[in-house]
Structure formats: structure tokens, C-alpha cells
Amino acid sequence: MFVTILKPDEYVDIVCDLFEKRGNPEDAQWQIKYMRFQFDFFGLKAPVWLPLTKELFKEQGVFEKEELKSFVRLCLEKEYREVHYFAIEMVQSQLSTQNEDFIYFLEELIITKSWWDTVDWIVKLVGWHFERFPELIDQIVWNWAKSDNIWLVRSAILFQLKYKERTNSKLLFELISFQTSSKEFFIQKGAGWALREYSKTNPEAVIQFISENDLPSLTQREGLKWLRKKGVI
């Protein structure tokens, strides 16, 4: 993958033009409703926009360093969600080349045009970044956990989602316990999701944690869902 010679605004225009041409207005209406009218859509589902994205990367290249950030910020100024997806896909393609301070740009992405679809994707990138720079975890994660921004809180809880045996269960349980009084749906649901995923690795620990803590019913229900499906409990 080569570094593009385009300027960030030129590249954004190319993306928007292509996505608009390939969009499906009927699909767009369904997507807008599904996402609760948070964003506009061109009407490109993942099996369409993702290959188009890979094609553009191959033909036009990608940005790196500060130009990458400038490009992504320009993309996020657009009202169409698929353009936001394109930007995050480019970030993902360049994540392994970033230094530890890139966590602050990932944080910026979490709180910009936030909804579950992009936040949960960015959380995956955060998890990868923390694996490269584990010394960042304690400070950053607890700053997020204490934030008034629900998406940062959700990200703090979910960043270990795919860690499996590498999960720091003490940290996970502390983060969830810290939010037991939260009434936010996305925090309660995220905590349950994190517990459900970890239950596939350490069911005994999850069962004990849920039984010993006064968790919201949504969190409990989500956390035990896989174990009940498998007949463990």
C-alpha cells in the first residue's frame, strides 16, 4: 500500500463521488431508520462499501502521519456514514505504524460523530493499540471510565473484548463495578457484552462476579446469556 500524492480534501471528494454513484437510495432509507436517524447514508452496505474502499486504497493510496489525521477529520465532517467508515478503515490499515500517542487520536475518534457502530469498531483498534503499548492502559482506561462521555466509558469496558486468556479480569471487573449505578443503556449493555465474551474463557469467574455484585438487570442478563445457551447454568 503506497502513500497517496492527493491532498486530503481531494481524496475526500473522490470518496464521496464514488460512494454517491454506487449508492442505493432504498437501502439508504433503511439504514437511516436502523441507525435511528443519527446520520445520512448513501445506501452502501458493507459488502459494497468495503470492496470499494479496498479498491480506492489500491488505486489512490493512503495517508500517513499528520495527513492521515487531517483526512479522517475531513471525512468526519461529512454527513454520510459510509465516509466515516472509509476513514476508520484507513486508520485501521495504518494502525501498526503508529506510535503510542496515537491513542489520543483514537480517543478523539471515539467522541466524534459517536454511535455504537463506529465506537465498537474503534474499540477494537484501541485493544490492538494497547497490546502494543500496555503501559498506556491504566492511565488512559481509568480516565475514560471516569469520563462523562458514555462512549469513552463503554470503550474502557470493551477494549479487552477479544483478549480471551489475556484478559485482565481484575481490571475488567473493577471497571464494570465502577459503573453499577449507571442508567445508560449503552454502558449497561456494553458491560454485559464484555462479561458474556469473557464467560467463554473463564465462566467460573464471570458467574462468581455476577453473583457477588449488584449489577443492573440488563448487564446480568447479557453477561449470562452465553452460559445459559450452553447449559452451563
Protein backbone atom coordinates (compact mmCIF):
# COMPACT_ATOMS: atom_id res chain seq x y z
CA MET A 1 0.00 0.00 0.00
CA PHE A 2 1.55 3.29 -1.09
CA VAL A 3 1.29 6.81 0.32
CA THR A 4 -1.08 8.90 -1.78
CA ILE A 5 0.00 12.10 -3.52
CA LEU A 6 -3.51 13.51 -3.19
CA LYS A 7 -4.37 16.27 -0.79
CA PRO A 8 -6.81 15.22 1.96
CA ASP A 9 -9.69 17.30 0.59
CA GLU A 10 -9.15 15.92 -2.91
CA TYR A 11 -9.30 12.37 -1.61
CA VAL A 12 -12.49 13.07 0.34
CA ASP A 13 -14.14 14.35 -2.83
CA ILE A 14 -13.16 11.19 -4.71
CA VAL A 15 -14.63 9.01 -1.96
CA CYS A 16 -17.88 10.96 -1.81
CA ASP A 17 -18.31 10.97 -5.59
CA LEU A 18 -17.75 7.23 -5.90
CA PHE A 19 -19.95 6.33 -2.95
CA GLU A 20 -22.76 8.56 -4.19
CA LYS A 21 -22.66 6.96 -7.64
CA ARG A 22 -22.75 3.45 -6.23
CA GLY A 23 -25.32 4.17 -3.52
CA ASN A 24 -28.81 2.71 -3.35
CA PRO A 25 -31.44 5.24 -2.18
CA GLU A 26 -33.80 2.49 -0.97
CA ASP A 27 -31.07 0.92 1.14
CA ALA A 28 -30.16 4.39 2.41
CA GLN A 29 -33.65 4.90 3.83
CA TRP A 30 -33.49 1.59 5.65
CA GLN A 31 -30.02 2.39 7.03
CA ILE A 32 -31.10 5.83 8.23
CA LYS A 33 -34.02 4.32 10.14
CA TYR A 34 -31.92 1.46 11.53
CA MET A 35 -29.40 3.97 12.90
CA ARG A 36 -32.22 5.98 14.46
CA PHE A 37 -31.77 8.96 12.16
CA GLN A 38 -28.33 9.75 13.57
CA PHE A 39 -26.68 10.02 10.12
CA ASP A 40 -27.33 10.18 6.41
CA PHE A 41 -26.36 7.24 4.21
CA PHE A 42 -25.56 6.75 0.55
CA GLY A 43 -27.13 3.32 0.74
CA LEU A 44 -23.96 1.23 0.66
CA LYS A 45 -23.95 -1.93 2.74
CA ALA A 46 -20.67 -3.42 3.94
CA PRO A 47 -20.36 -5.94 1.07
CA VAL A 48 -20.35 -2.92 -1.25
CA TRP A 49 -18.51 -0.12 0.53
CA LEU A 50 -15.71 -2.31 1.86
CA PRO A 51 -14.56 -3.59 -1.58
CA LEU A 52 -14.85 -0.03 -2.91
CA THR A 53 -12.65 1.11 -0.04
CA LYS A 54 -10.02 -1.53 -0.75
CA GLU A 55 -10.13 -0.57 -4.42
CA LEU A 56 -9.53 3.09 -3.63
CA PHE A 57 -6.66 2.23 -1.30
CA LYS A 58 -5.08 0.25 -4.12
CA GLU A 59 -5.65 2.91 -6.76
CA GLN A 60 -5.16 6.11 -4.77
CA GLY A 61 -3.05 5.03 -1.81
CA VAL A 62 -3.43 6.01 1.83
CA PHE A 63 -2.30 8.79 4.12
CA GLU A 64 0.15 8.53 6.99
CA LYS A 65 1.20 10.62 9.98
CA GLU A 66 -0.49 14.02 10.32
CA GLU A 67 -2.09 13.85 6.88
CA LEU A 68 -3.94 10.74 7.97
CA LYS A 69 -5.45 12.64 10.87
CA SER A 70 -6.34 15.60 8.65
CA PHE A 71 -8.03 13.31 6.15
CA VAL A 72 -10.01 11.46 8.80
CA ARG A 73 -11.20 14.71 10.35
CA LEU A 74 -12.40 15.93 6.97
CA CYS A 75 -14.25 12.66 6.43
CA LEU A 76 -15.98 13.00 9.78
CA GLU A 77 -17.23 16.44 8.81
CA LYS A 78 -19.34 14.79 6.10
CA GLU A 79 -22.88 13.76 6.91
CA TYR A 80 -22.70 10.36 5.24
CA ARG A 81 -21.86 7.44 7.47
CA GLU A 82 -20.10 5.41 4.80
CA VAL A 83 -17.48 8.15 4.52
CA HIS A 84 -16.86 7.81 8.24
CA TYR A 85 -16.42 4.07 7.72
CA PHE A 86 -13.93 4.72 4.94
CA ALA A 87 -11.88 6.92 7.26
CA ILE A 88 -11.81 4.37 10.07
CA GLU A 89 -10.83 1.64 7.62
CA MET A 90 -7.85 3.75 6.60
CA VAL A 91 -6.93 4.27 10.26
CA GLN A 92 -7.10 0.51 10.77
CA SER A 93 -4.82 -0.08 7.79
CA GLN A 94 -2.20 2.23 9.29
CA LEU A 95 -2.59 1.40 12.97
CA SER A 96 0.50 -0.81 13.23
CA THR A 97 2.72 2.09 12.10
CA GLN A 98 1.58 4.49 14.82
CA ASN A 99 3.41 5.46 18.00
CA GLU A 100 1.92 5.28 21.48
CA ASP A 101 0.50 8.82 21.36
CA PHE A 102 -1.91 7.72 18.65
CA ILE A 103 -4.19 6.64 21.48
CA TYR A 104 -5.23 10.28 21.81
CA PHE A 105 -6.38 10.35 18.20
CA LEU A 106 -8.32 7.13 18.76
CA GLU A 107 -9.91 8.84 21.75
CA GLU A 108 -10.84 11.75 19.50
CA LEU A 109 -12.48 9.34 17.08
CA ILE A 110 -14.49 7.71 19.86
CA ILE A 111 -16.10 11.01 20.82
CA THR A 112 -16.63 12.36 17.29
CA LYS A 113 -19.87 11.52 15.46
CA SER A 114 -20.34 8.81 18.07
CA TRP A 115 -22.70 5.89 17.78
CA TRP A 116 -22.33 2.22 18.58
CA ASP A 117 -21.31 1.20 15.05
CA THR A 118 -18.13 3.27 14.89
CA VAL A 119 -17.35 3.28 18.60
CA ASP A 120 -17.30 -0.51 18.84
CA TRP A 121 -15.08 -0.68 15.76
CA ILE A 122 -12.66 1.88 17.17
CA VAL A 123 -12.61 -0.02 20.47
CA LYS A 124 -11.19 -2.98 18.57
CA LEU A 125 -8.38 -0.71 17.33
CA VAL A 126 -7.84 0.55 20.86
CA GLY A 127 -7.45 -3.04 22.03
CA TRP A 128 -4.80 -3.68 19.38
CA HIS A 129 -3.00 -0.46 20.25
CA PHE A 130 -2.93 -1.31 23.95
CA GLU A 131 -1.44 -4.69 23.12
CA ARG A 132 1.48 -2.85 21.53
CA PHE A 133 1.69 -0.27 24.33
CA PRO A 134 0.33 -1.89 27.51
CA GLU A 135 1.94 0.80 29.67
CA LEU A 136 -0.83 3.15 28.49
CA ILE A 137 -3.68 1.08 29.85
CA ASP A 138 -4.01 2.11 33.49
CA GLN A 139 -3.98 5.86 32.97
CA ILE A 140 -5.98 6.04 29.76
CA VAL A 141 -8.62 3.48 30.64
CA TRP A 142 -9.39 4.94 34.03
CA ASN A 143 -9.55 8.44 32.57
CA TRP A 144 -12.17 7.12 30.17
CA ALA A 145 -14.02 5.21 32.87
CA LYS A 146 -14.38 8.40 34.93
CA SER A 147 -15.48 10.47 31.96
CA ASP A 148 -18.94 11.96 31.48
CA ASN A 149 -18.85 10.68 27.90
CA ILE A 150 -20.76 7.39 27.70
CA TRP A 151 -18.78 6.25 24.66
CA LEU A 152 -15.46 6.61 26.47
CA VAL A 153 -16.90 4.66 29.40
CA ARG A 154 -18.15 1.93 27.07
CA SER A 155 -14.74 1.83 25.37
CA ALA A 156 -12.95 1.39 28.69
CA ILE A 157 -15.13 -1.63 29.45
CA LEU A 158 -14.91 -3.18 25.99
CA PHE A 159 -11.29 -2.77 24.89
CA GLN A 160 -10.40 -6.29 26.14
CA LEU A 161 -13.33 -7.86 24.30
CA LYS A 162 -11.15 -10.12 22.13
CA TYR A 163 -8.32 -10.67 24.61
CA LYS A 164 -9.67 -14.04 25.82
CA GLU A 165 -6.95 -15.63 28.03
CA ARG A 166 -5.01 -12.37 28.00
CA THR A 167 -7.88 -10.52 29.68
CA ASN A 168 -7.01 -8.66 32.87
CA SER A 169 -10.08 -9.88 34.71
CA LYS A 170 -9.36 -7.78 37.80
CA LEU A 171 -9.38 -4.63 35.70
CA LEU A 172 -12.47 -5.71 33.76
CA PHE A 173 -14.45 -6.41 36.91
CA GLU A 174 -13.30 -3.16 38.55
CA LEU A 175 -14.39 -1.15 35.51
CA ILE A 176 -17.80 -2.78 35.46
CA SER A 177 -18.23 -2.37 39.21
CA PHE A 178 -17.39 1.30 38.86
CA GLN A 179 -20.44 1.74 36.63
CA THR A 180 -23.07 -0.27 38.52
CA SER A 181 -25.12 2.87 39.21
CA SER A 182 -25.13 3.99 35.58
CA LYS A 183 -28.54 4.16 33.94
CA GLU A 184 -27.09 4.45 30.44
CA PHE A 185 -28.25 1.67 28.12
CA PHE A 186 -25.01 1.54 26.14
CA ILE A 187 -22.91 1.24 29.30
CA GLN A 188 -25.09 -1.48 30.84
CA LYS A 189 -25.26 -3.35 27.54
CA GLY A 190 -21.51 -2.97 26.96
CA ALA A 191 -20.73 -4.33 30.41
CA GLY A 192 -22.94 -7.34 29.75
CA TRP A 193 -21.28 -7.90 26.38
CA ALA A 194 -17.82 -7.81 27.97
CA LEU A 195 -18.88 -10.32 30.61
CA ARG A 196 -20.51 -12.58 28.03
CA GLU A 197 -17.35 -12.69 25.93
CA TYR A 198 -15.15 -13.35 28.94
CA SER A 199 -17.52 -16.09 30.13
CA LYS A 200 -16.42 -18.08 27.07
CA THR A 201 -12.90 -18.11 28.52
CA ASN A 202 -13.48 -18.11 32.27
CA PRO A 203 -17.10 -18.99 33.08
CA GLU A 204 -16.47 -19.57 36.78
CA ALA A 205 -15.05 -16.08 37.29
CA VAL A 206 -17.95 -14.43 35.49
CA ILE A 207 -20.57 -16.42 37.40
CA GLN A 208 -18.92 -15.53 40.70
CA PHE A 209 -18.60 -11.85 39.79
CA ILE A 210 -22.23 -11.55 38.76
CA SER A 211 -23.48 -13.44 41.82
CA GLU A 212 -21.47 -11.27 44.22
CA ASN A 213 -22.31 -7.87 42.73
CA ASP A 214 -25.50 -5.86 42.42
CA LEU A 215 -25.37 -5.32 38.67
CA PRO A 216 -28.13 -3.82 36.51
CA SER A 217 -30.51 -6.48 35.25
CA LEU A 218 -29.56 -5.78 31.64
CA THR A 219 -25.88 -6.34 32.42
CA GLN A 220 -26.64 -9.56 34.29
CA ARG A 221 -28.88 -10.87 31.54
CA GLU A 222 -26.37 -10.11 28.79
CA GLY A 223 -23.47 -11.40 30.85
CA LEU A 224 -25.10 -14.79 31.46
CA LYS A 225 -26.65 -15.23 28.00
CA TRP A 226 -23.94 -17.47 26.52
CA LEU A 227 -23.64 -19.58 29.66
CA ARG A 228 -27.39 -20.19 29.69
CA LYS A 229 -27.40 -21.01 26.00
CA LYS A 230 -24.69 -23.62 26.59
CA GLY A 231 -26.48 -25.02 29.63
CA VAL A 232 -23.65 -24.12 31.99
CA ILE A 233 -26.12 -22.51 34.39
